[in-house]
Amino acid sequence: AAAALHAGRGATPVFLAVDGKPAAFLAVADAVKPGSAAALARLHAMGVTTAMLTGDNTRTAEAVAADIGIDRVLAEVMPGDKASEISRLQAEGGTVAFVGDGINDAPALAGADVGIAIGTGTDVAIEAGDVVLMSGDLAGVANAIALGRRTLTTIKQNFLWAYLYNVLLIPVAAGLLYPFAGILMHPIMAALAMSVSSVFVVTNSLRLNRFRMG
């Protein structure tokens, strides 16, 4: 009963036996990093569904998940099965990002749509990751996702601007309007117009420098 109580609080019971008879047990637990709950709350606010993939027993994992606000628990997963679990999540639809720092996490990092490695982890994990966080703070995960989304939005804006700009001005520069309206763009003005387009794209991209970590 005592072991079950500790397991429900997020600890893993380790039993000691003497001559085949139970003598004692230890409750072992990893300390939850400060700020984890806040980081997960921010991810939820961004529309991200979170899951914990762990080799710990189900009861312990669920207790930790409930404490910090993780949506889903995949417990008692062997190290070699993590990549398979990632594939199963991908089959359910959506983009799957995996955060890890150990040697056993490397296959899952490589198999996920986005592998996020903790910079304080092993070299193998860092090599397998698409994104490397400089610290072990989980807030970096939310920052990475926010910056990635901002970057993608900027890319789409640049493509849309370039497309519309060229669709509208290339016919004018080619003299398409001259027979109808007498409008003819001087070659120098056409060159300047293209430069203006490039300046807009570069300036819009530089706005990413104003991104602030949450």
N, C-alpha and C. Protein backbone atom coordinates (compact mmCIF):
# COMPACT_ATOMS: atom_id res chain seq x y z
N ALA A 1 0.83 -1.20 0.00
CA ALA A 1 0.00 0.00 0.00
C ALA A 1 0.86 1.25 0.00
N ALA A 2 1.93 1.23 0.79
CA ALA A 2 2.82 2.38 0.85
C ALA A 2 3.52 2.59 -0.48
N ALA A 3 3.93 1.48 -1.12
CA ALA A 3 4.59 1.57 -2.43
C ALA A 3 3.64 2.15 -3.46
N ALA A 4 2.38 1.71 -3.42
CA ALA A 4 1.38 2.23 -4.35
C ALA A 4 1.14 3.72 -4.13
N LEU A 5 1.17 4.12 -2.87
CA LEU A 5 0.99 5.54 -2.54
C LEU A 5 2.10 6.39 -3.15
N HIS A 6 3.34 5.93 -3.00
CA HIS A 6 4.47 6.68 -3.56
C HIS A 6 4.43 6.67 -5.09
N ALA A 7 4.02 5.56 -5.68
CA ALA A 7 3.91 5.49 -7.14
C ALA A 7 2.88 6.49 -7.64
N GLY A 8 1.81 6.65 -6.88
CA GLY A 8 0.79 7.61 -7.25
C GLY A 8 1.25 9.04 -7.14
N ARG A 9 2.35 9.25 -6.42
CA ARG A 9 2.92 10.60 -6.28
C ARG A 9 4.05 10.85 -7.27
N GLY A 10 4.29 9.90 -8.16
CA GLY A 10 5.30 10.09 -9.19
C GLY A 10 6.63 9.45 -8.91
N ALA A 11 6.73 8.61 -7.88
CA ALA A 11 7.98 7.93 -7.56
C ALA A 11 7.93 6.48 -8.04
N THR A 12 9.11 5.91 -8.30
CA THR A 12 9.20 4.52 -8.72
C THR A 12 9.65 3.67 -7.54
N PRO A 13 8.82 2.73 -7.07
CA PRO A 13 9.22 1.89 -5.93
C PRO A 13 10.28 0.86 -6.33
N VAL A 14 11.30 0.72 -5.51
CA VAL A 14 12.34 -0.29 -5.69
C VAL A 14 12.36 -1.15 -4.43
N PHE A 15 12.12 -2.43 -4.59
CA PHE A 15 11.97 -3.32 -3.44
C PHE A 15 13.28 -4.03 -3.10
N LEU A 16 13.50 -4.23 -1.81
CA LEU A 16 14.67 -4.93 -1.29
C LEU A 16 14.20 -6.20 -0.58
N ALA A 17 14.81 -7.32 -0.94
CA ALA A 17 14.44 -8.60 -0.32
C ALA A 17 15.66 -9.22 0.34
N VAL A 18 15.45 -9.86 1.46
CA VAL A 18 16.49 -10.58 2.19
C VAL A 18 16.06 -12.04 2.31
N ASP A 19 16.89 -12.92 1.76
CA ASP A 19 16.55 -14.35 1.76
C ASP A 19 15.20 -14.61 1.11
N GLY A 20 14.94 -13.85 0.06
CA GLY A 20 13.70 -14.06 -0.68
C GLY A 20 12.47 -13.46 -0.06
N LYS A 21 12.65 -12.75 1.04
CA LYS A 21 11.50 -12.14 1.71
C LYS A 21 11.59 -10.61 1.62
N PRO A 22 10.50 -9.94 1.30
CA PRO A 22 10.51 -8.47 1.23
C PRO A 22 10.96 -7.86 2.55
N ALA A 23 11.93 -6.95 2.45
CA ALA A 23 12.46 -6.33 3.67
C ALA A 23 12.23 -4.83 3.69
N ALA A 24 12.30 -4.22 2.54
CA ALA A 24 12.13 -2.76 2.49
C ALA A 24 11.91 -2.34 1.05
N PHE A 25 11.59 -1.08 0.87
CA PHE A 25 11.51 -0.54 -0.49
C PHE A 25 11.96 0.91 -0.47
N LEU A 26 12.46 1.34 -1.61
CA LEU A 26 12.88 2.73 -1.79
C LEU A 26 11.97 3.37 -2.83
N ALA A 27 11.65 4.61 -2.62
CA ALA A 27 10.86 5.37 -3.59
C ALA A 27 11.80 6.34 -4.30
N VAL A 28 12.05 6.08 -5.57
CA VAL A 28 13.00 6.89 -6.35
C VAL A 28 12.22 7.78 -7.31
N ALA A 29 12.58 9.03 -7.36
CA ALA A 29 11.87 9.96 -8.24
C ALA A 29 12.83 11.01 -8.79
N ASP A 30 12.59 11.40 -10.04
CA ASP A 30 13.33 12.51 -10.64
C ASP A 30 12.61 13.81 -10.29
N ALA A 31 13.37 14.80 -9.94
CA ALA A 31 12.76 16.10 -9.64
C ALA A 31 12.27 16.75 -10.93
N VAL A 32 11.05 17.24 -10.91
CA VAL A 32 10.51 17.95 -12.07
C VAL A 32 11.20 19.30 -12.20
N LYS A 33 11.66 19.61 -13.41
CA LYS A 33 12.39 20.86 -13.61
C LYS A 33 11.48 22.06 -13.36
N PRO A 34 11.99 23.07 -12.67
CA PRO A 34 11.20 24.29 -12.46
C PRO A 34 10.78 24.90 -13.80
N GLY A 35 9.58 25.34 -13.87
CA GLY A 35 9.10 25.96 -15.10
C GLY A 35 8.48 24.99 -16.08
N SER A 36 8.52 23.69 -15.78
CA SER A 36 7.96 22.71 -16.71
C SER A 36 6.46 22.91 -16.91
N ALA A 37 5.73 23.12 -15.81
CA ALA A 37 4.29 23.30 -15.91
C ALA A 37 3.95 24.55 -16.72
N ALA A 38 4.70 25.63 -16.50
CA ALA A 38 4.46 26.87 -17.24
C ALA A 38 4.75 26.68 -18.73
N ALA A 39 5.82 25.94 -19.04
CA ALA A 39 6.18 25.69 -20.43
C ALA A 39 5.09 24.87 -21.13
N LEU A 40 4.57 23.87 -20.43
CA LEU A 40 3.51 23.04 -21.00
C LEU A 40 2.23 23.83 -21.18
N ALA A 41 1.93 24.71 -20.24
CA ALA A 41 0.74 25.56 -20.36
C ALA A 41 0.85 26.46 -21.59
N ARG A 42 2.05 26.94 -21.85
CA ARG A 42 2.26 27.79 -23.03
C ARG A 42 2.09 26.98 -24.31
N LEU A 43 2.58 25.74 -24.31
CA LEU A 43 2.41 24.88 -25.48
C LEU A 43 0.93 24.61 -25.74
N HIS A 44 0.17 24.38 -24.67
CA HIS A 44 -1.26 24.15 -24.82
C HIS A 44 -1.94 25.39 -25.40
N ALA A 45 -1.52 26.56 -24.96
CA ALA A 45 -2.08 27.81 -25.47
C ALA A 45 -1.78 27.99 -26.96
N MET A 46 -0.69 27.37 -27.41
CA MET A 46 -0.31 27.43 -28.83
C MET A 46 -1.00 26.36 -29.65
N GLY A 47 -1.84 25.55 -29.00
CA GLY A 47 -2.56 24.50 -29.71
C GLY A 47 -1.78 23.21 -29.87
N VAL A 48 -0.74 23.03 -29.07
CA VAL A 48 0.10 21.83 -29.16
C VAL A 48 -0.40 20.79 -28.17
N THR A 49 -0.60 19.57 -28.63
CA THR A 49 -0.95 18.45 -27.76
C THR A 49 0.33 17.79 -27.27
N THR A 50 0.46 17.60 -25.98
CA THR A 50 1.70 17.07 -25.42
C THR A 50 1.53 15.62 -24.97
N ALA A 51 2.62 14.88 -25.05
CA ALA A 51 2.63 13.48 -24.62
C ALA A 51 3.98 13.17 -23.99
N MET A 52 3.97 12.26 -23.03
CA MET A 52 5.21 11.83 -22.39
C MET A 52 5.49 10.38 -22.79
N LEU A 53 6.67 10.15 -23.35
CA LEU A 53 7.11 8.83 -23.77
C LEU A 53 8.20 8.38 -22.80
N THR A 54 7.92 7.37 -21.98
CA THR A 54 8.85 7.02 -20.91
C THR A 54 8.87 5.52 -20.67
N GLY A 55 9.96 5.08 -20.08
CA GLY A 55 10.08 3.68 -19.70
C GLY A 55 9.58 3.41 -18.30
N ASP A 56 9.20 4.45 -17.57
CA ASP A 56 8.70 4.28 -16.20
C ASP A 56 7.34 3.58 -16.21
N ASN A 57 6.95 3.07 -15.04
CA ASN A 57 5.66 2.38 -14.96
C ASN A 57 4.52 3.39 -15.14
N THR A 58 3.40 2.86 -15.57
CA THR A 58 2.27 3.70 -15.97
C THR A 58 1.78 4.60 -14.84
N ARG A 59 1.67 4.06 -13.64
CA ARG A 59 1.12 4.84 -12.53
C ARG A 59 2.02 6.03 -12.19
N THR A 60 3.32 5.78 -12.17
CA THR A 60 4.26 6.87 -11.88
C THR A 60 4.21 7.93 -12.96
N ALA A 61 4.20 7.48 -14.22
CA ALA A 61 4.18 8.42 -15.34
C ALA A 61 2.91 9.26 -15.34
N GLU A 62 1.79 8.63 -15.05
CA GLU A 62 0.52 9.37 -15.03
C GLU A 62 0.49 10.40 -13.90
N ALA A 63 1.13 10.07 -12.78
CA ALA A 63 1.17 11.02 -11.66
C ALA A 63 1.97 12.26 -12.04
N VAL A 64 3.12 12.05 -12.69
CA VAL A 64 3.95 13.18 -13.12
C VAL A 64 3.21 14.00 -14.17
N ALA A 65 2.58 13.31 -15.12
CA ALA A 65 1.85 14.00 -16.19
C ALA A 65 0.73 14.86 -15.63
N ALA A 66 0.01 14.32 -14.66
CA ALA A 66 -1.09 15.08 -14.05
C ALA A 66 -0.56 16.29 -13.29
N ASP A 67 0.62 16.16 -12.72
CA ASP A 67 1.19 17.23 -11.91
C ASP A 67 1.59 18.43 -12.75
N ILE A 68 2.11 18.18 -13.95
CA ILE A 68 2.62 19.29 -14.77
C ILE A 68 1.76 19.58 -15.99
N GLY A 69 0.72 18.79 -16.22
CA GLY A 69 -0.22 19.11 -17.30
C GLY A 69 0.07 18.49 -18.64
N ILE A 70 0.60 17.27 -18.67
CA ILE A 70 0.83 16.57 -19.94
C ILE A 70 -0.46 15.87 -20.35
N ASP A 71 -0.81 15.97 -21.63
CA ASP A 71 -2.10 15.45 -22.11
C ASP A 71 -2.16 13.93 -22.17
N ARG A 72 -1.08 13.33 -22.60
CA ARG A 72 -1.12 11.89 -22.91
C ARG A 72 0.13 11.20 -22.38
N VAL A 73 -0.02 9.97 -21.93
CA VAL A 73 1.10 9.23 -21.37
C VAL A 73 1.30 7.92 -22.13
N LEU A 74 2.53 7.70 -22.58
CA LEU A 74 2.92 6.43 -23.19
C LEU A 74 4.03 5.88 -22.29
N ALA A 75 3.65 4.99 -21.38
CA ALA A 75 4.58 4.51 -20.36
C ALA A 75 5.04 3.09 -20.64
N GLU A 76 6.08 2.69 -19.89
CA GLU A 76 6.66 1.35 -19.98
C GLU A 76 7.11 1.03 -21.41
N VAL A 77 7.66 2.04 -22.06
CA VAL A 77 8.17 1.88 -23.43
C VAL A 77 9.65 1.55 -23.37
N MET A 78 10.05 0.46 -23.96
CA MET A 78 11.45 0.08 -23.99
C MET A 78 12.23 1.06 -24.87
N PRO A 79 13.53 1.28 -24.56
CA PRO A 79 14.33 2.24 -25.34
C PRO A 79 14.29 1.99 -26.84
N GLY A 80 14.32 0.72 -27.23
CA GLY A 80 14.32 0.41 -28.65
C GLY A 80 12.98 0.58 -29.33
N ASP A 81 11.92 0.80 -28.54
CA ASP A 81 10.58 0.93 -29.10
C ASP A 81 10.12 2.38 -29.25
N LYS A 82 10.95 3.32 -28.84
CA LYS A 82 10.54 4.72 -28.91
C LYS A 82 10.28 5.17 -30.34
N ALA A 83 11.14 4.75 -31.26
CA ALA A 83 10.95 5.13 -32.67
C ALA A 83 9.64 4.57 -33.21
N SER A 84 9.29 3.36 -32.79
CA SER A 84 8.03 2.75 -33.24
C SER A 84 6.83 3.52 -32.71
N GLU A 85 6.94 4.00 -31.47
CA GLU A 85 5.86 4.80 -30.90
C GLU A 85 5.70 6.12 -31.66
N ILE A 86 6.82 6.70 -32.07
CA ILE A 86 6.76 7.93 -32.87
C ILE A 86 6.06 7.67 -34.20
N SER A 87 6.39 6.55 -34.84
CA SER A 87 5.74 6.19 -36.10
C SER A 87 4.24 6.00 -35.91
N ARG A 88 3.86 5.41 -34.79
CA ARG A 88 2.44 5.19 -34.51
C ARG A 88 1.71 6.52 -34.32
N LEU A 89 2.36 7.46 -33.65
CA LEU A 89 1.76 8.78 -33.47
C LEU A 89 1.63 9.51 -34.81
N GLN A 90 2.62 9.36 -35.67
CA GLN A 90 2.56 9.98 -36.99
C GLN A 90 1.41 9.41 -37.81
N ALA A 91 1.16 8.11 -37.63
CA ALA A 91 0.07 7.47 -38.37
C ALA A 91 -1.30 8.00 -37.94
N GLU A 92 -1.37 8.57 -36.74
CA GLU A 92 -2.63 9.14 -36.24
C GLU A 92 -2.92 10.49 -36.88
N GLY A 93 -1.93 11.05 -37.57
CA GLY A 93 -2.10 12.34 -38.23
C GLY A 93 -1.46 13.47 -37.46
N GLY A 94 -1.16 14.55 -38.15
CA GLY A 94 -0.52 15.70 -37.51
C GLY A 94 0.99 15.61 -37.57
N THR A 95 1.61 16.69 -37.18
CA THR A 95 3.07 16.77 -37.14
C THR A 95 3.55 16.39 -35.75
N VAL A 96 4.51 15.48 -35.70
CA VAL A 96 5.01 14.97 -34.42
C VAL A 96 6.42 15.49 -34.18
N ALA A 97 6.59 16.19 -33.06
CA ALA A 97 7.92 16.64 -32.63
C ALA A 97 8.31 15.82 -31.40
N PHE A 98 9.58 15.46 -31.32
CA PHE A 98 10.06 14.67 -30.19
C PHE A 98 11.21 15.40 -29.53
N VAL A 99 11.17 15.50 -28.21
CA VAL A 99 12.22 16.16 -27.44
C VAL A 99 12.97 15.10 -26.65
N GLY A 100 14.29 15.04 -26.81
CA GLY A 100 15.07 14.04 -26.09
C GLY A 100 16.51 14.47 -25.92
N ASP A 101 17.22 13.76 -25.05
CA ASP A 101 18.61 14.13 -24.79
C ASP A 101 19.55 12.93 -24.63
N GLY A 102 19.02 11.72 -24.67
CA GLY A 102 19.86 10.55 -24.42
C GLY A 102 20.22 9.78 -25.68
N ILE A 103 21.15 8.84 -25.53
CA ILE A 103 21.55 8.00 -26.65
C ILE A 103 20.35 7.21 -27.18
N ASN A 104 19.53 6.71 -26.27
CA ASN A 104 18.37 5.92 -26.66
C ASN A 104 17.30 6.75 -27.37
N ASP A 105 17.41 8.07 -27.26
CA ASP A 105 16.43 8.95 -27.91
C ASP A 105 16.78 9.22 -29.37
N ALA A 106 17.98 8.90 -29.79
CA ALA A 106 18.44 9.25 -31.14
C ALA A 106 17.53 8.71 -32.25
N PRO A 107 17.14 7.43 -32.23
CA PRO A 107 16.25 6.94 -33.30
C PRO A 107 14.92 7.68 -33.35
N ALA A 108 14.36 7.99 -32.18
CA ALA A 108 13.09 8.72 -32.14
C ALA A 108 13.26 10.15 -32.64
N LEU A 109 14.38 10.78 -32.28
CA LEU A 109 14.67 12.13 -32.77
C LEU A 109 14.78 12.14 -34.29
N ALA A 110 15.43 11.12 -34.84
CA ALA A 110 15.61 11.05 -36.29
C ALA A 110 14.30 10.72 -37.00
N GLY A 111 13.43 9.93 -36.35
CA GLY A 111 12.19 9.52 -36.98
C GLY A 111 11.06 10.51 -36.88
N ALA A 112 11.12 11.42 -35.93
CA ALA A 112 10.05 12.40 -35.76
C ALA A 112 10.07 13.42 -36.90
N ASP A 113 8.93 14.07 -37.11
CA ASP A 113 8.87 15.13 -38.12
C ASP A 113 9.83 16.26 -37.75
N VAL A 114 9.90 16.55 -36.46
CA VAL A 114 10.84 17.54 -35.95
C VAL A 114 11.51 16.95 -34.71
N GLY A 115 12.82 16.76 -34.77
CA GLY A 115 13.56 16.26 -33.63
C GLY A 115 14.20 17.42 -32.87
N ILE A 116 13.85 17.57 -31.61
CA ILE A 116 14.37 18.66 -30.79
C ILE A 116 15.29 18.07 -29.73
N ALA A 117 16.58 18.31 -29.87
CA ALA A 117 17.57 17.75 -28.94
C ALA A 117 17.94 18.78 -27.88
N ILE A 118 18.12 18.30 -26.66
CA ILE A 118 18.56 19.17 -25.57
C ILE A 118 20.08 19.32 -25.67
N GLY A 119 20.54 20.56 -25.71
CA GLY A 119 21.97 20.82 -25.90
C GLY A 119 22.85 20.28 -24.80
N THR A 120 22.27 20.06 -23.62
CA THR A 120 23.05 19.53 -22.50
C THR A 120 23.08 18.00 -22.51
N GLY A 121 22.47 17.38 -23.53
CA GLY A 121 22.42 15.93 -23.61
C GLY A 121 23.62 15.34 -24.32
N THR A 122 23.45 14.12 -24.83
CA THR A 122 24.55 13.40 -25.47
C THR A 122 24.80 13.91 -26.89
N ASP A 123 26.03 13.70 -27.36
CA ASP A 123 26.39 14.11 -28.71
C ASP A 123 25.56 13.37 -29.76
N VAL A 124 25.25 12.11 -29.49
CA VAL A 124 24.46 11.32 -30.43
C VAL A 124 23.08 11.93 -30.62
N ALA A 125 22.46 12.33 -29.53
CA ALA A 125 21.13 12.95 -29.60
C ALA A 125 21.19 14.28 -30.34
N ILE A 126 22.23 15.05 -30.06
CA ILE A 126 22.38 16.36 -30.72
C ILE A 126 22.54 16.19 -32.22
N GLU A 127 23.30 15.19 -32.64
CA GLU A 127 23.51 14.94 -34.07
C GLU A 127 22.21 14.51 -34.74
N ALA A 128 21.35 13.79 -34.01
CA ALA A 128 20.11 13.28 -34.59
C ALA A 128 19.01 14.33 -34.65
N GLY A 129 19.13 15.39 -33.86
CA GLY A 129 18.07 16.39 -33.79
C GLY A 129 18.09 17.38 -34.95
N ASP A 130 16.92 17.89 -35.28
CA ASP A 130 16.80 18.96 -36.28
C ASP A 130 17.01 20.32 -35.64
N VAL A 131 16.62 20.42 -34.37
CA VAL A 131 16.76 21.65 -33.59
C VAL A 131 17.49 21.30 -32.31
N VAL A 132 18.42 22.13 -31.91
CA VAL A 132 19.17 21.90 -30.67
C VAL A 132 18.92 23.07 -29.73
N LEU A 133 18.36 22.78 -28.56
CA LEU A 133 18.14 23.81 -27.55
C LEU A 133 19.42 24.01 -26.76
N MET A 134 19.76 25.25 -26.48
CA MET A 134 21.02 25.55 -25.80
C MET A 134 20.98 25.18 -24.33
N SER A 135 19.80 25.05 -23.75
CA SER A 135 19.69 24.70 -22.34
C SER A 135 18.64 23.61 -22.17
N GLY A 136 18.51 23.12 -20.96
CA GLY A 136 17.52 22.09 -20.69
C GLY A 136 16.16 22.62 -20.30
N ASP A 137 15.96 23.92 -20.40
CA ASP A 137 14.69 24.55 -20.04
C ASP A 137 13.64 24.21 -21.09
N LEU A 138 12.51 23.63 -20.66
CA LEU A 138 11.46 23.25 -21.60
C LEU A 138 10.80 24.45 -22.27
N ALA A 139 11.00 25.64 -21.71
CA ALA A 139 10.47 26.84 -22.36
C ALA A 139 11.08 27.01 -23.75
N GLY A 140 12.27 26.45 -23.94
CA GLY A 140 12.92 26.52 -25.24
C GLY A 140 12.14 25.80 -26.32
N VAL A 141 11.38 24.77 -25.94
CA VAL A 141 10.56 24.05 -26.93
C VAL A 141 9.48 24.97 -27.48
N ALA A 142 8.79 25.67 -26.59
CA ALA A 142 7.76 26.61 -27.02
C ALA A 142 8.36 27.74 -27.85
N ASN A 143 9.54 28.21 -27.44
CA ASN A 143 10.21 29.27 -28.20
C ASN A 143 10.57 28.79 -29.60
N ALA A 144 11.06 27.56 -29.70
CA ALA A 144 11.45 27.02 -31.01
C ALA A 144 10.24 26.89 -31.93
N ILE A 145 9.13 26.42 -31.38
CA ILE A 145 7.92 26.28 -32.19
C ILE A 145 7.39 27.64 -32.62
N ALA A 146 7.39 28.60 -31.69
CA ALA A 146 6.91 29.95 -32.02
C ALA A 146 7.78 30.59 -33.09
N LEU A 147 9.10 30.45 -32.97
CA LEU A 147 10.00 31.02 -33.96
C LEU A 147 9.83 30.32 -35.31
N GLY A 148 9.65 29.00 -35.28
CA GLY A 148 9.43 28.27 -36.53
C GLY A 148 8.17 28.72 -37.24
N ARG A 149 7.10 28.92 -36.47
CA ARG A 149 5.86 29.39 -37.06
C ARG A 149 6.01 30.80 -37.62
N ARG A 150 6.69 31.66 -36.89
CA ARG A 150 6.91 33.03 -37.36
C ARG A 150 7.75 33.02 -38.65
N THR A 151 8.75 32.15 -38.70
CA THR A 151 9.59 32.06 -39.90
C THR A 151 8.78 31.58 -41.09
N LEU A 152 7.94 30.56 -40.89
CA LEU A 152 7.12 30.05 -41.98
C LEU A 152 6.15 31.11 -42.49
N THR A 153 5.57 31.88 -41.57
CA THR A 153 4.67 32.96 -41.97
C THR A 153 5.40 34.00 -42.80
N THR A 154 6.63 34.33 -42.39
CA THR A 154 7.43 35.31 -43.13
C THR A 154 7.76 34.80 -44.53
N ILE A 155 8.10 33.53 -44.64
CA ILE A 155 8.40 32.94 -45.95
C ILE A 155 7.19 33.03 -46.87
N LYS A 156 6.01 32.70 -46.33
CA LYS A 156 4.79 32.77 -47.14
C LYS A 156 4.50 34.20 -47.57
N GLN A 157 4.72 35.17 -46.67
CA GLN A 157 4.52 36.58 -47.03
C GLN A 157 5.45 36.99 -48.16
N ASN A 158 6.71 36.57 -48.08
CA ASN A 158 7.68 36.92 -49.10
C ASN A 158 7.33 36.32 -50.46
N PHE A 159 6.89 35.06 -50.44
CA PHE A 159 6.50 34.41 -51.70
C PHE A 159 5.28 35.09 -52.30
N LEU A 160 4.30 35.43 -51.45
CA LEU A 160 3.09 36.08 -51.95
C LEU A 160 3.42 37.45 -52.53
N TRP A 161 4.25 38.21 -51.83
CA TRP A 161 4.65 39.53 -52.33
C TRP A 161 5.37 39.41 -53.66
N ALA A 162 6.34 38.51 -53.74
CA ALA A 162 7.12 38.35 -54.98
C ALA A 162 6.22 37.92 -56.13
N TYR A 163 5.28 37.03 -55.85
CA TYR A 163 4.38 36.54 -56.91
C TYR A 163 3.50 37.67 -57.43
N LEU A 164 2.81 38.38 -56.52
CA LEU A 164 1.92 39.45 -56.94
C LEU A 164 2.68 40.58 -57.61
N TYR A 165 3.84 40.92 -57.05
CA TYR A 165 4.64 42.01 -57.60
C TYR A 165 5.05 41.71 -59.03
N ASN A 166 5.53 40.48 -59.26
CA ASN A 166 5.99 40.11 -60.60
C ASN A 166 4.83 39.96 -61.57
N VAL A 167 3.71 39.39 -61.11
CA VAL A 167 2.55 39.23 -61.98
C VAL A 167 2.02 40.57 -62.45
N LEU A 168 2.07 41.57 -61.58
CA LEU A 168 1.54 42.89 -61.93
C LEU A 168 2.52 43.73 -62.73
N LEU A 169 3.80 43.71 -62.37
CA LEU A 169 4.76 44.64 -62.97
C LEU A 169 5.51 44.11 -64.18
N ILE A 170 5.70 42.80 -64.27
CA ILE A 170 6.42 42.28 -65.44
C ILE A 170 5.66 42.59 -66.73
N PRO A 171 4.33 42.41 -66.78
CA PRO A 171 3.62 42.80 -68.02
C PRO A 171 3.76 44.29 -68.33
N VAL A 172 3.75 45.13 -67.28
CA VAL A 172 3.91 46.57 -67.50
C VAL A 172 5.30 46.86 -68.04
N ALA A 173 6.32 46.24 -67.45
CA ALA A 173 7.69 46.45 -67.90
C ALA A 173 7.89 45.95 -69.33
N ALA A 174 7.12 44.93 -69.72
CA ALA A 174 7.24 44.38 -71.07
C ALA A 174 6.48 45.21 -72.10
N GLY A 175 5.77 46.24 -71.66
CA GLY A 175 5.05 47.11 -72.58
C GLY A 175 3.66 46.64 -72.92
N LEU A 176 3.09 45.77 -72.12
CA LEU A 176 1.77 45.22 -72.42
C LEU A 176 0.68 46.29 -72.43
N LEU A 177 0.85 47.32 -71.60
CA LEU A 177 -0.17 48.37 -71.51
C LEU A 177 0.01 49.48 -72.55
N TYR A 178 1.12 49.46 -73.23
CA TYR A 178 1.41 50.57 -74.16
C TYR A 178 0.37 50.69 -75.29
N PRO A 179 -0.03 49.59 -75.92
CA PRO A 179 -1.01 49.72 -77.02
C PRO A 179 -2.36 50.22 -76.55
N PHE A 180 -2.70 50.02 -75.29
CA PHE A 180 -4.03 50.38 -74.80
C PHE A 180 -4.06 51.71 -74.06
N ALA A 181 -3.03 51.98 -73.26
CA ALA A 181 -3.04 53.18 -72.43
C ALA A 181 -1.83 54.07 -72.66
N GLY A 182 -0.94 53.67 -73.53
CA GLY A 182 0.25 54.47 -73.79
C GLY A 182 1.25 54.47 -72.65
N ILE A 183 1.13 53.48 -71.74
CA ILE A 183 2.04 53.40 -70.59
C ILE A 183 3.23 52.52 -70.95
N LEU A 184 4.40 53.10 -70.81
CA LEU A 184 5.63 52.36 -71.11
C LEU A 184 6.64 52.64 -70.01
N MET A 185 7.10 51.60 -69.35
CA MET A 185 8.04 51.76 -68.24
C MET A 185 9.46 51.82 -68.77
N HIS A 186 10.19 52.84 -68.33
CA HIS A 186 11.59 52.97 -68.73
C HIS A 186 12.39 51.81 -68.12
N PRO A 187 13.37 51.27 -68.84
CA PRO A 187 14.17 50.15 -68.31
C PRO A 187 14.79 50.43 -66.95
N ILE A 188 15.22 51.67 -66.74
CA ILE A 188 15.82 52.01 -65.43
C ILE A 188 14.77 51.91 -64.33
N MET A 189 13.56 52.38 -64.63
CA MET A 189 12.48 52.29 -63.64
C MET A 189 12.12 50.83 -63.36
N ALA A 190 12.16 50.00 -64.41
CA ALA A 190 11.87 48.58 -64.23
C ALA A 190 12.91 47.93 -63.31
N ALA A 191 14.18 48.31 -63.51
CA ALA A 191 15.25 47.77 -62.66
C ALA A 191 15.07 48.23 -61.22
N LEU A 192 14.70 49.50 -61.05
CA LEU A 192 14.47 50.02 -59.70
C LEU A 192 13.30 49.32 -59.03
N ALA A 193 12.26 49.03 -59.82
CA ALA A 193 11.09 48.35 -59.28
C ALA A 193 11.46 46.97 -58.75
N MET A 194 12.32 46.26 -59.49
CA MET A 194 12.76 44.95 -59.02
C MET A 194 13.59 45.07 -57.75
N SER A 195 14.37 46.14 -57.66
CA SER A 195 15.16 46.36 -56.45
C SER A 195 14.27 46.61 -55.25
N VAL A 196 13.19 47.36 -55.48
CA VAL A 196 12.24 47.62 -54.40
C VAL A 196 11.65 46.32 -53.88
N SER A 197 11.35 45.40 -54.79
CA SER A 197 10.81 44.10 -54.39
C SER A 197 11.81 43.35 -53.52
N SER A 198 13.07 43.36 -53.91
CA SER A 198 14.10 42.67 -53.13
C SER A 198 14.28 43.30 -51.75
N VAL A 199 14.22 44.64 -51.71
CA VAL A 199 14.36 45.35 -50.44
C VAL A 199 13.22 44.98 -49.50
N PHE A 200 12.01 44.87 -50.05
CA PHE A 200 10.87 44.49 -49.21
C PHE A 200 11.06 43.10 -48.61
N VAL A 201 11.49 42.15 -49.45
CA VAL A 201 11.67 40.77 -48.98
C VAL A 201 12.72 40.72 -47.87
N VAL A 202 13.84 41.41 -48.07
CA VAL A 202 14.91 41.40 -47.07
C VAL A 202 14.45 42.08 -45.78
N THR A 203 13.78 43.22 -45.92
CA THR A 203 13.32 43.96 -44.75
C THR A 203 12.29 43.15 -43.96
N ASN A 204 11.39 42.51 -44.68
CA ASN A 204 10.39 41.68 -44.01
C ASN A 204 11.04 40.52 -43.27
N SER A 205 12.08 39.95 -43.86
CA SER A 205 12.78 38.84 -43.21
C SER A 205 13.54 39.31 -41.97
N LEU A 206 14.07 40.53 -42.02
CA LEU A 206 14.82 41.05 -40.88
C LEU A 206 13.93 41.29 -39.66
N ARG A 207 12.62 41.33 -39.87
CA ARG A 207 11.71 41.49 -38.74
C ARG A 207 11.81 40.32 -37.77
N LEU A 208 12.34 39.20 -38.24
CA LEU A 208 12.52 38.05 -37.35
C LEU A 208 13.52 38.34 -36.24
N ASN A 209 14.40 39.33 -36.47
CA ASN A 209 15.35 39.70 -35.42
C ASN A 209 14.65 40.29 -34.19
N ARG A 210 13.41 40.71 -34.37
CA ARG A 210 12.66 41.31 -33.27
C ARG A 210 11.94 40.24 -32.43
N PHE A 211 12.09 38.98 -32.84
CA PHE A 211 11.44 37.90 -32.08
C PHE A 211 12.01 37.83 -30.68
N ARG A 212 11.15 37.75 -29.71
CA ARG A 212 11.57 37.69 -28.32
C ARG A 212 11.14 36.37 -27.70
N MET A 213 12.06 35.78 -26.97
CA MET A 213 11.77 34.51 -26.31
C MET A 213 10.71 34.72 -25.22
N GLY A 214 9.82 33.75 -25.09
CA GLY A 214 8.78 33.85 -24.09
C GLY A 214 9.28 33.43 -22.71
